């Protein structure tokens, strides 16, 4: 870990803001819309189906050599948010992920792509399941246009580590946000 951090230090620069022409959408819910039960976690008191959402993106900048996708809840009552999904090393010719591509046991991710460890402790998609009574949480799905073909990550890489490595290797990002809450 220390060698990885030291090796990346000379590459430090600010991650670019969302790029105007780079966009991501999901047919499962609109930006700012409610995440349906199909994408909600099926454990921890939640009764969804835990199916990863379908995603499509376009308009990445020239020089993109791979993509990464993250799903993060900044509203989780942890002090540091909650990582629901990380996918990296998606080939630059791929511009979508099918619904269910990130599910446990799925073989639908593109060849060469990998998933990191979520805050649930597993390395596949984990849907929303906020505490009962919390206001709806914001689930940020971000697609990263990456300037290298392969990031040094694996199934044990935490969401924080994936985010750290992406910080040094991102050309642009596109984001969509879904909302989900559990009333009293």
Protein backbone atom coordinates (compact mmCIF):
# COMPACT_ATOMS: atom_id res chain seq x y z
CA UNK A 1 0.00 0.00 0.00
CA UNK A 2 2.75 2.47 0.94
CA UNK A 3 4.60 1.70 -2.31
CA UNK A 4 1.40 2.34 -4.27
CA UNK A 5 0.85 5.66 -2.50
CA UNK A 6 4.45 6.78 -2.99
CA UNK A 7 4.42 5.70 -6.62
CA UNK A 8 1.34 7.79 -7.33
CA UNK A 9 2.50 10.92 -5.44
CA UNK A 10 4.34 12.50 -8.41
CA UNK A 11 1.14 12.29 -10.46
CA UNK A 12 -0.85 14.56 -8.11
CA UNK A 13 -3.31 17.00 -9.65
CA UNK A 14 -6.88 18.00 -9.01
CA UNK A 15 -9.58 15.71 -10.39
CA UNK A 16 -11.38 17.54 -13.21
CA UNK A 17 -14.91 18.76 -12.67
CA UNK A 18 -17.82 17.16 -14.44
CA UNK A 19 -17.19 17.50 -18.18
CA UNK A 20 -19.92 19.28 -20.15
CA UNK A 21 -20.07 16.81 -23.06
CA UNK A 22 -19.49 13.68 -20.97
CA UNK A 23 -22.80 12.25 -19.74
CA UNK A 24 -24.19 9.14 -18.05
CA UNK A 25 -27.79 7.99 -17.92
CA UNK A 26 -29.76 5.03 -16.60
CA UNK A 27 -33.03 3.72 -18.03
CA UNK A 28 -33.82 2.49 -14.51
CA UNK A 29 -34.27 5.97 -12.99
CA UNK A 30 -33.85 9.57 -14.15
CA UNK A 31 -31.20 11.89 -12.73
CA UNK A 32 -32.63 13.11 -9.41
CA UNK A 33 -35.35 10.45 -9.49
CA UNK A 34 -36.20 7.67 -7.08
CA UNK A 35 -34.22 4.44 -7.31
CA UNK A 36 -36.69 1.56 -7.88
CA UNK A 37 -36.93 -1.53 -5.69
CA UNK A 38 -35.10 -3.60 -8.33
CA UNK A 39 -31.89 -1.73 -7.42
CA UNK A 40 -32.49 -1.67 -3.61
CA UNK A 41 -30.52 -4.02 -1.34
CA UNK A 42 -32.11 -7.34 -0.38
CA UNK A 43 -30.80 -7.67 3.19
CA UNK A 44 -30.41 -5.57 6.32
CA UNK A 45 -34.16 -5.00 6.55
CA UNK A 46 -34.48 -3.94 2.90
CA UNK A 47 -36.48 -6.05 0.47
CA UNK A 48 -35.24 -5.02 -2.95
CA UNK A 49 -33.71 -7.22 -5.63
CA UNK A 50 -30.17 -5.76 -5.46
CA UNK A 51 -29.81 -5.60 -9.25
CA UNK A 52 -27.12 -3.18 -10.42
CA UNK A 53 -28.59 -0.45 -12.65
CA UNK A 54 -28.14 -0.32 -16.40
CA UNK A 55 -25.87 2.59 -17.35
CA UNK A 56 -24.87 4.26 -20.63
CA UNK A 57 -22.31 7.00 -21.15
CA UNK A 58 -20.92 9.06 -24.00
CA UNK A 59 -18.90 12.17 -24.78
CA UNK A 60 -15.70 11.19 -22.99
CA UNK A 61 -12.61 13.29 -23.75
CA UNK A 62 -9.89 12.31 -26.21
CA UNK A 63 -7.19 10.25 -24.56
CA UNK A 64 -9.57 8.10 -22.52
CA UNK A 65 -7.94 4.68 -22.14
CA UNK A 66 -10.47 3.07 -19.76
CA UNK A 67 -13.52 3.82 -17.63
CA UNK A 68 -14.47 3.30 -14.01
CA UNK A 69 -17.88 3.47 -12.33
CA UNK A 70 -18.63 4.16 -8.67
CA UNK A 71 -21.81 4.36 -6.62
CA UNK A 72 -21.45 6.31 -3.40
CA UNK A 73 -23.84 7.54 -0.70
CA UNK A 74 -22.50 10.76 0.87
CA UNK A 75 -25.51 10.86 3.25
CA UNK A 76 -24.74 7.60 5.06
CA UNK A 77 -24.47 8.21 8.82
CA UNK A 78 -20.86 7.07 9.02
CA UNK A 79 -18.87 10.29 8.87
CA UNK A 80 -17.35 9.08 5.60
CA UNK A 81 -20.27 8.05 3.37
CA UNK A 82 -20.83 4.54 2.00
CA UNK A 83 -19.39 2.81 -1.09
CA UNK A 84 -22.04 0.69 -2.83
CA UNK A 85 -20.15 -0.28 -5.97
CA UNK A 86 -16.86 0.24 -7.75
CA UNK A 87 -15.97 -1.05 -11.22
CA UNK A 88 -12.65 -0.29 -12.90
CA UNK A 89 -10.57 -1.17 -15.97
CA UNK A 90 -13.58 -1.02 -18.28
CA UNK A 91 -12.20 -0.97 -21.85
CA UNK A 92 -12.48 2.37 -23.72
CA UNK A 93 -14.70 0.81 -26.40
CA UNK A 94 -17.39 -0.03 -23.82
CA UNK A 95 -20.03 2.66 -23.22
CA UNK A 96 -22.62 0.83 -21.15
CA UNK A 97 -23.21 -1.74 -18.45
CA UNK A 98 -26.32 -3.91 -18.56
CA UNK A 99 -28.66 -4.16 -15.60
CA UNK A 100 -27.31 -6.88 -13.33
CA UNK A 101 -23.72 -6.66 -14.63
CA UNK A 102 -22.47 -5.96 -11.10
CA UNK A 103 -24.55 -8.58 -9.31
CA UNK A 104 -22.97 -11.35 -7.23
CA UNK A 105 -21.93 -14.15 -9.58
CA UNK A 106 -22.61 -12.14 -12.75
CA UNK A 107 -20.36 -12.73 -15.74
CA UNK A 108 -21.70 -9.68 -17.61
CA UNK A 109 -18.92 -7.19 -16.85
CA UNK A 110 -16.69 -6.44 -19.85
CA UNK A 111 -13.55 -8.56 -20.22
CA UNK A 112 -10.76 -7.11 -18.09
CA UNK A 113 -13.04 -5.11 -15.78
CA UNK A 114 -12.95 -5.69 -12.04
CA UNK A 115 -14.96 -4.72 -8.98
CA UNK A 116 -13.59 -3.42 -5.69
CA UNK A 117 -14.77 -4.12 -2.15
CA UNK A 118 -17.85 -2.19 -1.04
CA UNK A 119 -18.53 -0.99 2.48
CA UNK A 120 -20.76 -4.06 2.83
CA UNK A 121 -17.53 -6.10 2.66
CA UNK A 122 -18.14 -7.83 -0.67
CA UNK A 123 -16.90 -7.14 -4.21
CA UNK A 124 -20.10 -6.67 -6.21
CA UNK A 125 -23.04 -4.27 -6.32
CA UNK A 126 -24.85 -3.52 -3.06
CA UNK A 127 -28.02 -1.49 -3.41
CA UNK A 128 -29.38 1.31 -1.25
CA UNK A 129 -30.67 0.53 2.24
CA UNK A 130 -30.56 3.71 4.33
CA UNK A 131 -31.74 3.80 7.94
CA UNK A 132 -35.51 3.89 8.43
CA UNK A 133 -36.72 7.45 8.89
CA UNK A 134 -33.70 9.17 7.31
CA UNK A 135 -34.52 11.67 4.58
CA UNK A 136 -33.90 10.15 1.13
CA UNK A 137 -30.20 9.57 0.55
CA UNK A 138 -28.41 10.72 -2.63
CA UNK A 139 -26.73 7.84 -4.48
CA UNK A 140 -24.06 9.31 -6.75
CA UNK A 141 -23.22 7.15 -9.75
CA UNK A 142 -20.09 8.53 -11.38
CA UNK A 143 -18.41 7.37 -14.57
CA UNK A 144 -14.72 8.26 -14.79
CA UNK A 145 -12.84 8.71 -18.07
CA UNK A 146 -9.43 7.32 -17.10
CA UNK A 147 -6.12 8.25 -18.71
CA UNK A 148 -4.55 4.78 -18.23
CA UNK A 149 -5.73 1.40 -19.52
CA UNK A 150 -5.23 -0.46 -16.26
CA UNK A 151 -5.49 0.72 -12.67
CA UNK A 152 -3.57 -1.26 -10.00
CA UNK A 153 -6.74 -2.37 -8.18
CA UNK A 154 -8.39 -5.69 -7.35
CA UNK A 155 -11.39 -7.20 -5.54
CA UNK A 156 -9.90 -6.26 -2.16
CA UNK A 157 -9.50 -2.57 -3.05
CA UNK A 158 -11.79 -0.50 -0.84
CA UNK A 159 -13.97 2.28 -2.22
CA UNK A 160 -11.60 4.77 -0.62
CA UNK A 161 -8.61 3.22 -2.38
CA UNK A 162 -10.46 3.13 -5.71
CA UNK A 163 -11.32 6.81 -5.25
CA UNK A 164 -7.73 7.63 -4.35
CA UNK A 165 -6.29 5.93 -7.43
CA UNK A 166 -8.94 7.51 -9.65
CA UNK A 167 -8.06 10.94 -8.25
CA UNK A 168 -4.65 10.71 -9.93
CA UNK A 169 -5.81 9.16 -13.20
CA UNK A 170 -9.08 10.86 -14.19
CA UNK A 171 -9.54 12.99 -17.30
CA UNK A 172 -13.24 13.77 -16.72
CA UNK A 173 -16.32 12.56 -14.87
CA UNK A 174 -20.01 12.24 -15.63
CA UNK A 175 -22.59 11.74 -12.90
CA UNK A 176 -26.21 10.84 -12.29
CA UNK A 177 -27.87 10.79 -8.88
CA UNK A 178 -30.68 8.56 -7.64
CA UNK A 179 -32.65 9.08 -4.43
CA UNK A 180 -33.91 6.47 -2.00
CA UNK A 181 -35.34 6.62 1.51
CA UNK A 182 -37.20 4.34 3.90
CA UNK A 183 -40.07 6.07 5.71
CA UNK A 184 -40.93 5.25 9.33
